[in-house]
Amino acid sequence: MKTGLVLEGGAMRGLFTCGVMDVLLENHIPFDGAIGVSAGACFGVNYKSKQIGRAVRYNLEYIDDDRYGSWSSLLHTGNMFDAQFSYHDMTHFLDPLDFATFQKNPMAFYCVATDIDTGKPVYHQLHDALYDDLEWVRAGSSMPLVSKPVVIEGKRLLDGGIADAIPLHYFESLGYDRNVLILTQPRDYVKERSKLMPLIARAYKNEIPLVEDMESRHHRYNRLTQEIYAREEAGELLVIAPEKPLHIPANTKARRELIRVYEEGRVAANKQLDAVRAFLKEKS
């Protein structure tokens, strides 16, 4: 049996995930593997590098920089999050990832992207967190309408949450059968059809599989979360989720909101810390 950590995306709701992860790291909770979607991958790499506080720190430091999530960046680069600044300069120079620890840590780490030509999810295991790996993380975090597709190995890729918002089934297919899930919506959340679908359909009129994915995404998400909570009730999974909606805009510049959501993650993790320990101890 292998233990896994599954990290949902959600743009700046991901600060909730950061708070949860920091509490787990502070309490030396190990996992055999982790998989992150979108913001879950961007922030989740810090679990493998064991850098408590890094994700919330650089968000607070650079949230006012136009290169880090702004309409100005979208206008000038085609990406709301400037590719070089947000994924490469940040990771190597501005607030460096601990590459040595990342590479030495035996915990496997995966990210998810969506192939816009097939509508299928594409999974990638990170090995060194250097340029090629970071491009996979960028691809899997590139939100429709506000990001250019990222081309890797001949595939045109966008946000992994389009095709596989909570990649539990894929992780179980790899043998991770004792999983803790960090979700960024409360347990009673029901996803609705995106209000942007008419715009998405026009913008991606030649990418029919992608549009079909976006059109059906809310149905697939709701079926999966129903399964997840039923399986949690049966003791097969453990979920850490907000108690109420986080209500934080994807492009917020309010530091107090980042801190609030991060602290809500810490509170949620501390409430379930004993349950996490007990759940993982059942590994045999």
C-alpha atoms as a PDB file:
ATOM      1  CA  MET A   1       0.000   0.000   0.000  1.00  0.00           C
ATOM      2  CA  LYS A   2       1.155   3.554  -0.771  1.00  0.00           C
ATOM      3  CA  THR A   3       0.042   6.817   0.793  1.00  0.00           C
ATOM      4  CA  GLY A   4      -0.825   9.760  -1.411  1.00  0.00           C
ATOM      5  CA  LEU A   5      -1.598  13.466  -1.170  1.00  0.00           C
ATOM      6  CA  VAL A   6      -4.060  14.776  -3.792  1.00  0.00           C
ATOM      7  CA  LEU A   7      -4.183  18.554  -4.249  1.00  0.00           C
ATOM      8  CA  GLU A   8      -7.105  20.265  -5.986  1.00  0.00           C
ATOM      9  CA  GLY A   9      -6.552  23.554  -7.810  1.00  0.00           C
ATOM     10  CA  GLY A  10      -8.561  26.741  -7.496  1.00  0.00           C
ATOM     11  CA  ALA A  11      -6.303  29.736  -8.227  1.00  0.00           C
ATOM     12  CA  MET A  12      -5.903  31.759  -5.024  1.00  0.00           C
ATOM     13  CA  ARG A  13      -8.052  29.266  -3.114  1.00  0.00           C
ATOM     14  CA  GLY A  14      -4.778  27.370  -3.260  1.00  0.00           C
ATOM     15  CA  LEU A  15      -3.592  29.440  -0.303  1.00  0.00           C
ATOM     16  CA  PHE A  16      -5.906  27.217   1.753  1.00  0.00           C
ATOM     17  CA  THR A  17      -3.887  24.243   0.488  1.00  0.00           C
ATOM     18  CA  CYS A  18      -0.672  26.049   1.456  1.00  0.00           C
ATOM     19  CA  GLY A  19      -1.905  26.428   5.018  1.00  0.00           C
ATOM     20  CA  VAL A  20      -2.828  22.750   5.235  1.00  0.00           C
ATOM     21  CA  MET A  21       0.498  21.622   3.766  1.00  0.00           C
ATOM     22  CA  ASP A  22       2.535  23.800   6.111  1.00  0.00           C
ATOM     23  CA  VAL A  23       0.835  22.246   9.151  1.00  0.00           C
ATOM     24  CA  LEU A  24       1.446  18.750   7.761  1.00  0.00           C
ATOM     25  CA  LEU A  25       5.108  19.606   7.094  1.00  0.00           C
ATOM     26  CA  GLU A  26       5.538  21.102  10.558  1.00  0.00           C
ATOM     27  CA  ASN A  27       4.266  17.837  11.979  1.00  0.00           C
ATOM     28  CA  HIS A  28       6.487  15.685   9.744  1.00  0.00           C
ATOM     29  CA  ILE A  29       3.633  13.889   7.958  1.00  0.00           C
ATOM     30  CA  PRO A  30       5.185  11.873   5.091  1.00  0.00           C
ATOM     31  CA  PHE A  31       3.546  10.625   1.889  1.00  0.00           C
ATOM     32  CA  ASP A  32       4.804   8.196  -0.707  1.00  0.00           C
ATOM     33  CA  GLY A  33       3.528  10.457  -3.486  1.00  0.00           C
ATOM     34  CA  ALA A  34       1.591  13.610  -4.272  1.00  0.00           C
ATOM     35  CA  ILE A  35      -0.302  14.911  -7.283  1.00  0.00           C
ATOM     36  CA  GLY A  36      -1.357  18.508  -7.857  1.00  0.00           C
ATOM     37  CA  VAL A  37      -3.747  20.222 -10.240  1.00  0.00           C
ATOM     38  CA  SER A  38      -3.147  23.814 -11.358  1.00  0.00           C
ATOM     39  CA  ALA A  39      -2.485  25.849  -8.185  1.00  0.00           C
ATOM     40  CA  GLY A  40      -2.245  22.527  -6.362  1.00  0.00           C
ATOM     41  CA  ALA A  41       0.824  21.717  -8.456  1.00  0.00           C
ATOM     42  CA  CYS A  42       2.314  25.227  -8.295  1.00  0.00           C
ATOM     43  CA  PHE A  43       2.145  25.262  -4.516  1.00  0.00           C
ATOM     44  CA  GLY A  44       2.421  21.517  -3.968  1.00  0.00           C
ATOM     45  CA  VAL A  45       6.034  21.300  -5.141  1.00  0.00           C
ATOM     46  CA  ASN A  46       6.927  22.901  -1.807  1.00  0.00           C
ATOM     47  CA  TYR A  47       5.828  19.742  -0.024  1.00  0.00           C
ATOM     48  CA  LYS A  48       8.474  17.758  -1.853  1.00  0.00           C
ATOM     49  CA  SER A  49      11.090  20.450  -1.221  1.00  0.00           C
ATOM     50  CA  LYS A  50       9.921  20.691   2.422  1.00  0.00           C
ATOM     51  CA  GLN A  51       9.805  24.499   2.369  1.00  0.00           C
ATOM     52  CA  ILE A  52       7.356  25.573   5.029  1.00  0.00           C
ATOM     53  CA  GLY A  53       5.902  29.017   4.322  1.00  0.00           C
ATOM     54  CA  ARG A  54       7.498  29.513   0.903  1.00  0.00           C
ATOM     55  CA  ALA A  55       4.287  29.615  -1.142  1.00  0.00           C
ATOM     56  CA  VAL A  56       2.465  32.098   1.061  1.00  0.00           C
ATOM     57  CA  ARG A  57       5.658  34.171   1.361  1.00  0.00           C
ATOM     58  CA  TYR A  58       6.191  34.717  -2.360  1.00  0.00           C
ATOM     59  CA  ASN A  59       2.494  35.354  -2.942  1.00  0.00           C
ATOM     60  CA  LEU A  60       2.545  38.114  -0.343  1.00  0.00           C
ATOM     61  CA  GLU A  61       5.817  39.508  -1.675  1.00  0.00           C
ATOM     62  CA  TYR A  62       4.926  39.659  -5.371  1.00  0.00           C
ATOM     63  CA  ILE A  63       1.132  39.985  -5.455  1.00  0.00           C
ATOM     64  CA  ASP A  64       1.424  43.642  -6.556  1.00  0.00           C
ATOM     65  CA  ASP A  65       3.838  42.879  -9.398  1.00  0.00           C
ATOM     66  CA  ASP A  66       2.019  43.148 -12.731  1.00  0.00           C
ATOM     67  CA  ARG A  67       3.927  40.125 -13.998  1.00  0.00           C
ATOM     68  CA  TYR A  68       2.332  37.993 -11.292  1.00  0.00           C
ATOM     69  CA  GLY A  69      -1.335  37.822 -12.262  1.00  0.00           C
ATOM     70  CA  SER A  70      -2.675  40.973 -13.900  1.00  0.00           C
ATOM     71  CA  TRP A  71      -4.685  42.195 -16.867  1.00  0.00           C
ATOM     72  CA  SER A  72      -1.606  44.164 -17.890  1.00  0.00           C
ATOM     73  CA  SER A  73       0.406  40.951 -18.160  1.00  0.00           C
ATOM     74  CA  LEU A  74      -2.403  39.361 -20.170  1.00  0.00           C
ATOM     75  CA  LEU A  75      -2.460  42.317 -22.569  1.00  0.00           C
ATOM     76  CA  HIS A  76       1.305  42.378 -23.091  1.00  0.00           C
ATOM     77  CA  THR A  77       2.199  38.670 -22.995  1.00  0.00           C
ATOM     78  CA  GLY A  78      -1.004  36.741 -23.625  1.00  0.00           C
ATOM     79  CA  ASN A  79      -0.726  35.229 -20.148  1.00  0.00           C
ATOM     80  CA  MET A  80      -2.214  36.650 -16.972  1.00  0.00           C
ATOM     81  CA  PHE A  81       0.779  35.141 -15.166  1.00  0.00           C
ATOM     82  CA  ASP A  82       3.943  36.047 -17.062  1.00  0.00           C
ATOM     83  CA  ALA A  83       5.561  32.724 -17.942  1.00  0.00           C
ATOM     84  CA  GLN A  84       9.217  33.549 -17.327  1.00  0.00           C
ATOM     85  CA  PHE A  85       8.633  35.592 -14.183  1.00  0.00           C
ATOM     86  CA  SER A  86       5.978  33.485 -12.464  1.00  0.00           C
ATOM     87  CA  TYR A  87       7.411  30.025 -13.076  1.00  0.00           C
ATOM     88  CA  HIS A  88      11.128  30.330 -13.752  1.00  0.00           C
ATOM     89  CA  ASP A  89      12.472  33.556 -12.233  1.00  0.00           C
ATOM     90  CA  MET A  90      10.369  33.003  -9.108  1.00  0.00           C
ATOM     91  CA  THR A  91      11.577  29.437  -8.675  1.00  0.00           C
ATOM     92  CA  HIS A  92      15.252  29.973  -9.452  1.00  0.00           C
ATOM     93  CA  PHE A  93      16.062  33.494  -8.303  1.00  0.00           C
ATOM     94  CA  LEU A  94      13.390  35.444  -6.419  1.00  0.00           C
ATOM     95  CA  ASP A  95      12.354  32.873  -3.806  1.00  0.00           C
ATOM     96  CA  PRO A  96      14.275  29.756  -4.849  1.00  0.00           C
ATOM     97  CA  LEU A  97      12.949  26.261  -4.537  1.00  0.00           C
ATOM     98  CA  ASP A  98      15.241  23.973  -2.538  1.00  0.00           C
ATOM     99  CA  PHE A  99      16.233  21.881  -5.544  1.00  0.00           C
ATOM    100  CA  ALA A 100      18.584  19.625  -3.577  1.00  0.00           C
ATOM    101  CA  THR A 101      15.856  18.619  -1.127  1.00  0.00           C
ATOM    102  CA  PHE A 102      13.284  18.277  -3.908  1.00  0.00           C
ATOM    103  CA  GLN A 103      15.521  15.910  -5.858  1.00  0.00           C
ATOM    104  CA  LYS A 104      16.592  13.911  -2.795  1.00  0.00           C
ATOM    105  CA  ASN A 105      13.105  13.478  -1.341  1.00  0.00           C
ATOM    106  CA  PRO A 106      11.795  10.018  -2.384  1.00  0.00           C
ATOM    107  CA  MET A 107       8.190  11.260  -2.480  1.00  0.00           C
ATOM    108  CA  ALA A 108       7.022  11.157  -6.115  1.00  0.00           C
ATOM    109  CA  PHE A 109       5.296  14.303  -7.378  1.00  0.00           C
ATOM    110  CA  TYR A 110       2.954  14.544 -10.381  1.00  0.00           C
ATOM    111  CA  CYS A 111       1.073  17.329 -12.136  1.00  0.00           C
ATOM    112  CA  VAL A 112      -1.860  17.265 -14.563  1.00  0.00           C
ATOM    113  CA  ALA A 113      -2.520  19.167 -17.796  1.00  0.00           C
ATOM    114  CA  THR A 114      -5.273  19.017 -20.413  1.00  0.00           C
ATOM    115  CA  ASP A 115      -4.520  18.239 -24.063  1.00  0.00           C
ATOM    116  CA  ILE A 116      -6.758  20.710 -25.876  1.00  0.00           C
ATOM    117  CA  ASP A 117      -6.750  18.677 -29.102  1.00  0.00           C
ATOM    118  CA  THR A 118      -8.080  15.518 -27.462  1.00  0.00           C
ATOM    119  CA  GLY A 119      -9.748  16.852 -24.318  1.00  0.00           C
ATOM    120  CA  LYS A 120      -7.864  14.207 -22.328  1.00  0.00           C
ATOM    121  CA  PRO A 121      -5.761  14.687 -19.199  1.00  0.00           C
ATOM    122  CA  VAL A 122      -1.995  14.309 -19.490  1.00  0.00           C
ATOM    123  CA  TYR A 123       0.062  13.430 -16.408  1.00  0.00           C
ATOM    124  CA  HIS A 124       3.722  14.168 -15.755  1.00  0.00           C
ATOM    125  CA  GLN A 125       6.021  13.108 -12.951  1.00  0.00           C
ATOM    126  CA  LEU A 126       8.430  15.836 -11.917  1.00  0.00           C
ATOM    127  CA  HIS A 127      12.024  14.697 -11.461  1.00  0.00           C
ATOM    128  CA  ASP A 128      14.248  17.717 -10.813  1.00  0.00           C
ATOM    129  CA  ALA A 129      11.952  20.794 -10.884  1.00  0.00           C
ATOM    130  CA  LEU A 130      14.208  22.383 -13.505  1.00  0.00           C
ATOM    131  CA  TYR A 131      13.039  24.102 -16.700  1.00  0.00           C
ATOM    132  CA  ASP A 132      11.224  21.217 -18.394  1.00  0.00           C
ATOM    133  CA  ASP A 133       9.399  20.182 -15.227  1.00  0.00           C
ATOM    134  CA  LEU A 134       8.379  23.778 -14.539  1.00  0.00           C
ATOM    135  CA  GLU A 135       6.956  24.072 -18.046  1.00  0.00           C
ATOM    136  CA  TRP A 136       4.701  21.107 -17.226  1.00  0.00           C
ATOM    137  CA  VAL A 137       3.561  22.883 -14.064  1.00  0.00           C
ATOM    138  CA  ARG A 138       2.938  26.041 -16.105  1.00  0.00           C
ATOM    139  CA  ALA A 139       0.987  24.107 -18.717  1.00  0.00           C
ATOM    140  CA  GLY A 140      -1.190  22.488 -16.067  1.00  0.00           C
ATOM    141  CA  SER A 141      -1.887  25.905 -14.516  1.00  0.00           C
ATOM    142  CA  SER A 142      -2.658  27.808 -17.724  1.00  0.00           C
ATOM    143  CA  MET A 143      -6.299  28.799 -17.355  1.00  0.00           C
ATOM    144  CA  PRO A 144      -8.469  29.085 -20.489  1.00  0.00           C
ATOM    145  CA  LEU A 145      -9.087  32.570 -21.892  1.00  0.00           C
ATOM    146  CA  VAL A 146      -6.274  34.146 -19.868  1.00  0.00           C
ATOM    147  CA  SER A 147      -3.363  31.921 -20.948  1.00  0.00           C
ATOM    148  CA  LYS A 148      -1.745  30.756 -24.138  1.00  0.00           C
ATOM    149  CA  PRO A 149      -1.561  26.987 -24.646  1.00  0.00           C
ATOM    150  CA  VAL A 150       1.819  25.554 -23.662  1.00  0.00           C
ATOM    151  CA  VAL A 151       3.322  23.209 -26.245  1.00  0.00           C
ATOM    152  CA  ILE A 152       5.239  20.236 -24.812  1.00  0.00           C
ATOM    153  CA  GLU A 153       6.171  17.106 -26.746  1.00  0.00           C
ATOM    154  CA  GLY A 154       3.906  18.197 -29.580  1.00  0.00           C
ATOM    155  CA  LYS A 155       0.867  18.552 -27.315  1.00  0.00           C
ATOM    156  CA  ARG A 156      -0.989  21.835 -26.806  1.00  0.00           C
ATOM    157  CA  LEU A 157      -1.769  21.984 -23.112  1.00  0.00           C
ATOM    158  CA  LEU A 158      -3.929  24.007 -20.740  1.00  0.00           C
ATOM    159  CA  ASP A 159      -5.077  23.791 -17.124  1.00  0.00           C
ATOM    160  CA  GLY A 160      -5.298  20.242 -15.776  1.00  0.00           C
ATOM    161  CA  GLY A 161      -8.481  21.033 -13.897  1.00  0.00           C
ATOM    162  CA  ILE A 162     -10.416  21.083 -17.160  1.00  0.00           C
ATOM    163  CA  ALA A 163     -10.029  17.339 -17.745  1.00  0.00           C
ATOM    164  CA  ASP A 164      -9.242  15.998 -14.261  1.00  0.00           C
ATOM    165  CA  ALA A 165      -9.980  18.436 -11.448  1.00  0.00           C
ATOM    166  CA  ILE A 166      -9.336  15.924  -8.645  1.00  0.00           C
ATOM    167  CA  PRO A 167      -7.054  13.180 -10.028  1.00  0.00           C
ATOM    168  CA  LEU A 168      -7.887  10.564  -7.425  1.00  0.00           C
ATOM    169  CA  HIS A 169      -8.641   7.777  -9.890  1.00  0.00           C
ATOM    170  CA  TYR A 170      -5.377   8.285 -11.774  1.00  0.00           C
ATOM    171  CA  PHE A 171      -3.396   8.249  -8.544  1.00  0.00           C
ATOM    172  CA  GLU A 172      -5.116   5.062  -7.430  1.00  0.00           C
ATOM    173  CA  SER A 173      -4.215   3.515 -10.799  1.00  0.00           C
ATOM    174  CA  LEU A 174      -0.562   4.087  -9.864  1.00  0.00           C
ATOM    175  CA  GLY A 175      -1.017   2.169  -6.619  1.00  0.00           C
ATOM    176  CA  TYR A 176      -1.647   5.053  -4.213  1.00  0.00           C
ATOM    177  CA  ASP A 177      -4.488   3.548  -2.244  1.00  0.00           C
ATOM    178  CA  ARG A 178      -4.347   5.458   1.053  1.00  0.00           C
ATOM    179  CA  ASN A 179      -5.037   9.030   0.030  1.00  0.00           C
ATOM    180  CA  VAL A 180      -5.485  12.346   1.799  1.00  0.00           C
ATOM    181  CA  LEU A 181      -7.279  14.901  -0.390  1.00  0.00           C
ATOM    182  CA  ILE A 182      -6.961  18.659   0.094  1.00  0.00           C
ATOM    183  CA  LEU A 183      -9.959  20.277  -1.594  1.00  0.00           C
ATOM    184  CA  THR A 184     -10.535  24.011  -1.900  1.00  0.00           C
ATOM    185  CA  GLN A 185     -14.330  24.012  -1.913  1.00  0.00           C
ATOM    186  CA  PRO A 186     -16.526  23.141   1.102  1.00  0.00           C
ATOM    187  CA  ARG A 187     -18.192  19.752   1.368  1.00  0.00           C
ATOM    188  CA  ASP A 188     -21.608  21.023   0.299  1.00  0.00           C
ATOM    189  CA  TYR A 189     -20.283  22.753  -2.825  1.00  0.00           C
ATOM    190  CA  VAL A 190     -22.055  21.949  -6.088  1.00  0.00           C
ATOM    191  CA  LYS A 191     -20.322  23.157  -9.235  1.00  0.00           C
ATOM    192  CA  GLU A 192     -22.511  24.897 -11.809  1.00  0.00           C
ATOM    193  CA  ARG A 193     -22.055  25.320 -15.545  1.00  0.00           C
ATOM    194  CA  SER A 194     -19.527  28.078 -16.186  1.00  0.00           C
ATOM    195  CA  LYS A 195     -21.085  31.421 -16.989  1.00  0.00           C
ATOM    196  CA  LEU A 196     -18.211  31.932 -19.421  1.00  0.00           C
ATOM    197  CA  MET A 197     -19.222  29.018 -21.655  1.00  0.00           C
ATOM    198  CA  PRO A 198     -20.511  31.229 -24.506  1.00  0.00           C
ATOM    199  CA  LEU A 199     -17.195  33.090 -24.525  1.00  0.00           C
ATOM    200  CA  ILE A 200     -15.213  29.846 -24.241  1.00  0.00           C
ATOM    201  CA  ALA A 201     -17.175  28.316 -27.120  1.00  0.00           C
ATOM    202  CA  ARG A 202     -16.331  31.304 -29.327  1.00  0.00           C
ATOM    203  CA  ALA A 203     -12.686  31.578 -28.268  1.00  0.00           C
ATOM    204  CA  TYR A 204     -12.036  27.857 -28.790  1.00  0.00           C
ATOM    205  CA  LYS A 205     -14.467  27.167 -31.643  1.00  0.00           C
ATOM    206  CA  ASN A 206     -11.830  25.035 -33.403  1.00  0.00           C
ATOM    207  CA  GLU A 207     -11.012  23.010 -30.264  1.00  0.00           C
ATOM    208  CA  ILE A 208     -14.197  20.977 -29.975  1.00  0.00           C
ATOM    209  CA  PRO A 209     -12.859  18.425 -27.417  1.00  0.00           C
ATOM    210  CA  LEU A 210     -11.818  21.258 -25.106  1.00  0.00           C
ATOM    211  CA  VAL A 211     -15.194  22.974 -25.366  1.00  0.00           C
ATOM    212  CA  GLU A 212     -16.972  19.677 -24.710  1.00  0.00           C
ATOM    213  CA  ASP A 213     -14.782  19.154 -21.637  1.00  0.00           C
ATOM    214  CA  MET A 214     -15.650  22.594 -20.314  1.00  0.00           C
ATOM    215  CA  GLU A 215     -19.348  22.083 -21.063  1.00  0.00           C
ATOM    216  CA  SER A 216     -19.527  18.855 -19.055  1.00  0.00           C
ATOM    217  CA  ARG A 217     -16.992  19.707 -16.396  1.00  0.00           C
ATOM    218  CA  HIS A 218     -19.481  20.584 -13.676  1.00  0.00           C
ATOM    219  CA  HIS A 219     -21.329  17.273 -14.065  1.00  0.00           C
ATOM    220  CA  ARG A 220     -18.108  15.257 -13.839  1.00  0.00           C
ATOM    221  CA  TYR A 221     -16.909  17.265 -10.846  1.00  0.00           C
ATOM    222  CA  ASN A 222     -20.143  16.804  -8.913  1.00  0.00           C
ATOM    223  CA  ARG A 223     -20.240  13.057  -9.557  1.00  0.00           C
ATOM    224  CA  LEU A 224     -16.656  12.731  -8.383  1.00  0.00           C
ATOM    225  CA  THR A 225     -17.109  14.728  -5.186  1.00  0.00           C
ATOM    226  CA  GLN A 226     -20.189  12.663  -4.335  1.00  0.00           C
ATOM    227  CA  GLU A 227     -18.070   9.530  -4.737  1.00  0.00           C
ATOM    228  CA  ILE A 228     -15.239  11.036  -2.697  1.00  0.00           C
ATOM    229  CA  TYR A 229     -17.401  11.884   0.302  1.00  0.00           C
ATOM    230  CA  ALA A 230     -19.142   8.509   0.189  1.00  0.00           C
ATOM    231  CA  ARG A 231     -15.773   6.788   0.194  1.00  0.00           C
ATOM    232  CA  GLU A 232     -14.545   9.006   2.995  1.00  0.00           C
ATOM    233  CA  GLU A 233     -17.574   7.933   5.040  1.00  0.00           C
ATOM    234  CA  ALA A 234     -16.514   4.331   4.374  1.00  0.00           C
ATOM    235  CA  GLY A 235     -13.014   5.064   5.661  1.00  0.00           C
ATOM    236  CA  GLU A 236     -11.278   4.707   2.299  1.00  0.00           C
ATOM    237  CA  LEU A 237     -10.160   8.347   1.996  1.00  0.00           C
ATOM    238  CA  LEU A 238      -9.565  11.382   4.169  1.00  0.00           C
ATOM    239  CA  VAL A 239     -10.584  14.861   3.011  1.00  0.00           C
ATOM    240  CA  ILE A 240      -9.481  18.246   4.318  1.00  0.00           C
ATOM    241  CA  ALA A 241     -11.743  20.991   2.949  1.00  0.00           C
ATOM    242  CA  PRO A 242     -12.859  24.487   3.969  1.00  0.00           C
ATOM    243  CA  GLU A 243     -15.854  24.658   6.287  1.00  0.00           C
ATOM    244  CA  LYS A 244     -17.387  27.432   4.161  1.00  0.00           C
ATOM    245  CA  PRO A 245     -16.741  29.023   0.750  1.00  0.00           C
ATOM    246  CA  LEU A 246     -13.426  30.862   0.653  1.00  0.00           C
ATOM    247  CA  HIS A 247     -14.721  33.730  -1.521  1.00  0.00           C
ATOM    248  CA  ILE A 248     -11.333  34.846  -2.825  1.00  0.00           C
ATOM    249  CA  PRO A 249     -11.034  36.202  -6.400  1.00  0.00           C
ATOM    250  CA  ALA A 250      -8.552  34.495  -8.709  1.00  0.00           C
ATOM    251  CA  ASN A 251      -6.721  37.770  -9.335  1.00  0.00           C
ATOM    252  CA  THR A 252      -6.977  39.341  -5.887  1.00  0.00           C
ATOM    253  CA  LYS A 253      -4.315  41.837  -4.828  1.00  0.00           C
ATOM    254  CA  ALA A 254      -5.471  41.944  -1.204  1.00  0.00           C
ATOM    255  CA  ARG A 255      -2.806  40.546   1.096  1.00  0.00           C
ATOM    256  CA  ARG A 256      -5.260  40.286   3.981  1.00  0.00           C
ATOM    257  CA  GLU A 257      -7.337  37.909   1.861  1.00  0.00           C
ATOM    258  CA  LEU A 258      -4.329  35.725   1.056  1.00  0.00           C
ATOM    259  CA  ILE A 259      -3.468  35.559   4.753  1.00  0.00           C
ATOM    260  CA  ARG A 260      -7.089  34.829   5.710  1.00  0.00           C
ATOM    261  CA  VAL A 261      -7.361  31.888   3.320  1.00  0.00           C
ATOM    262  CA  TYR A 262      -3.931  30.564   4.329  1.00  0.00           C
ATOM    263  CA  GLU A 263      -4.898  30.714   8.008  1.00  0.00           C
ATOM    264  CA  GLU A 264      -8.174  28.913   7.290  1.00  0.00           C
ATOM    265  CA  GLY A 265      -6.094  26.114   5.807  1.00  0.00           C
ATOM    266  CA  ARG A 266      -3.936  25.951   8.917  1.00  0.00           C
ATOM    267  CA  VAL A 267      -7.014  25.807  11.163  1.00  0.00           C
ATOM    268  CA  ALA A 268      -8.570  23.030   9.083  1.00  0.00           C
ATOM    269  CA  ALA A 269      -5.348  21.004   9.127  1.00  0.00           C
ATOM    270  CA  ASN A 270      -4.876  21.328  12.866  1.00  0.00           C
ATOM    271  CA  LYS A 271      -8.461  20.187  13.462  1.00  0.00           C
ATOM    272  CA  GLN A 272      -7.826  17.025  11.467  1.00  0.00           C
ATOM    273  CA  LEU A 273      -4.203  16.387  12.367  1.00  0.00           C
ATOM    274  CA  ASP A 274      -4.944  13.459  14.662  1.00  0.00           C
ATOM    275  CA  ALA A 275      -7.320  11.992  12.084  1.00  0.00           C
ATOM    276  CA  VAL A 276      -4.615  12.252   9.403  1.00  0.00           C
ATOM    277  CA  ARG A 277      -2.095  10.486  11.617  1.00  0.00           C
ATOM    278  CA  ALA A 278      -4.547   7.728  12.440  1.00  0.00           C
ATOM    279  CA  PHE A 279      -5.602   7.295   8.815  1.00  0.00           C
ATOM    280  CA  LEU A 280      -2.030   7.000   7.571  1.00  0.00           C
ATOM    281  CA  LYS A 281      -1.098   4.605  10.379  1.00  0.00           C
ATOM    282  CA  GLU A 282      -3.631   2.154   8.980  1.00  0.00           C
ATOM    283  CA  LYS A 283      -1.266   1.634   6.047  1.00  0.00           C
ATOM    284  CA  SER A 284      -0.090  -1.936   6.061  1.00  0.00           C
END
